[in-house]
Amino acid sequence: MLQSICRNAFTRISRTVSYATAAGTEAVTKPKTAIVMLNMGGPTNIDEVGDYLHRIMTDRDMIQLPVQGKLGPWIASRRTEDVQKKYMEIGGGSPILKWTNSQGHLLVQALDKLHPETAPHKHYVCFRYVPPFTHDAFTALENDGVERAVIFSQYPQYSCATTGSSLNAIADFYQNRPVPKHIKFSLIERWASHPLLAKVFAERIREKLEVFDDKVRDDVVILFTAHSLPLKAVSRGDTYPHEVAATVANTMIHLNVKNPYRLVWQSKVGPLPWLQPYTDDAIKAYAKQGRKHLLLVPIAFVNEHIETLHELDIEYCHDIAKEAGITHIERAATPNAHPTFISALADIVVKHLSDREKVSKQFLTRCPHCVSERCSRSKQFFRELCGDVLTQTTNITDSETPLKVVKN
């Protein structure tokens, strides 16, 4: 079945990558369909680090701090020099823009072949904390005169802090600006259980298992690692933890090995409790148990960036593993521009283009303990933006004023 999916979703894609603008869009004459690729982004050079951290630390969708307007900038300023050093150790900047452009370029090539009725397609990078920002991407697609825009989150597993923050930024962009009446919008906000996503992670794992001595290969502990989340968000009902777990389970089914595995969590920020066990603590704990052959798999990241290249490779696989006495540790690559991953992206978009549901009921349903007026307003905005006109107001309290989508 998987071979059939791969064959139908992705036949032959050129690996030649070109960049037309800083946003990474294709030089297409009058594109018909825009693919807007959402992600956090990362500084391409150390001069961008300070502003990057400032935007993260002052974004309450991403992180909530007391007196955030003062504490956030202070934390960003204090951390800038240390984070700049980390970026210097991985080459002077984040490769996330390069990889997103590469993925987008290959994706639209595949879409032009697989779904010619919506061609030509053009990808637009839409980052949250570094250029190209939300206003850059949406201004560009408006100026290009596209007829349809597919907003496509590049976080496979949905979280209010990641995809949610990017979608709130889009709602903000159109708060005081009319939505172009000639553009039909739709939203892909999660795809954690897509079979080709599991397949590409399984292929990345097999690549690294082959590196281990065949005498210990079947006993290597596979540690699936994902960005952690505050327990406060988990208790509120954020779907991220179980969506990450679903990707892990599907990957192990495709991998079809007997190796033990666990899901662990990385990149905790601040003093509040977050999802555990932490990845670094798990490495130390397994070393004490005598399990000294480990494979780290970044299961929630689709391209390389500082949390894989520095946190996993340098801090964990080198420094902590050496200190703990680990015999052999490897780290599986992220999907990047792997052909199977491009097939996954193309298959997701092709099926979405033919689906009558332009915004999912899963997205429109708020967390059971959500009290955020911003979240309620944003979901109302996308309900209207994507053409699903609100017929009832069960998700909106009397005190809340929904954002209105005004077509010019």
Foldseek 3Di string as FASTA:
>chain_A
DVVVLLVLLFPDFDQDADADDLQLKDPDQLWAEEEEEEFADKFAALVLQLQLQLLQQLQVLQPDDVVSVPVSNVVSVVCSVVVQVLCVVLPGIWCPSVLVSSLQVRLQVSCCVNPVVNDDYMYGYDHPRDPPHPCNRVVVVVVSVHQEYEYEYPFQFDFSNILVSNLLVNLVVQLPPADAPRYAYFYDRHHLQQLLLLVLLLVLVVVVLVVDDPVCSLAAEEEEEEAKDFVVRVVLFTRRVVSLVNSVVSNCVNNVGNYHYDYAYEDDDDDGDIDDDHPLVVLLVVLVVVNQHYEYEHSRDQADTSCCSPVPVPVRQPPSSVVSVRPYYYYGHHNRNPSSVSSSSSSVVVVQVPDPHRYDPVQLDGRPNDPDLSSPQSSQANCVSNPVHDPDQPSPDPVHDHRDRHHD
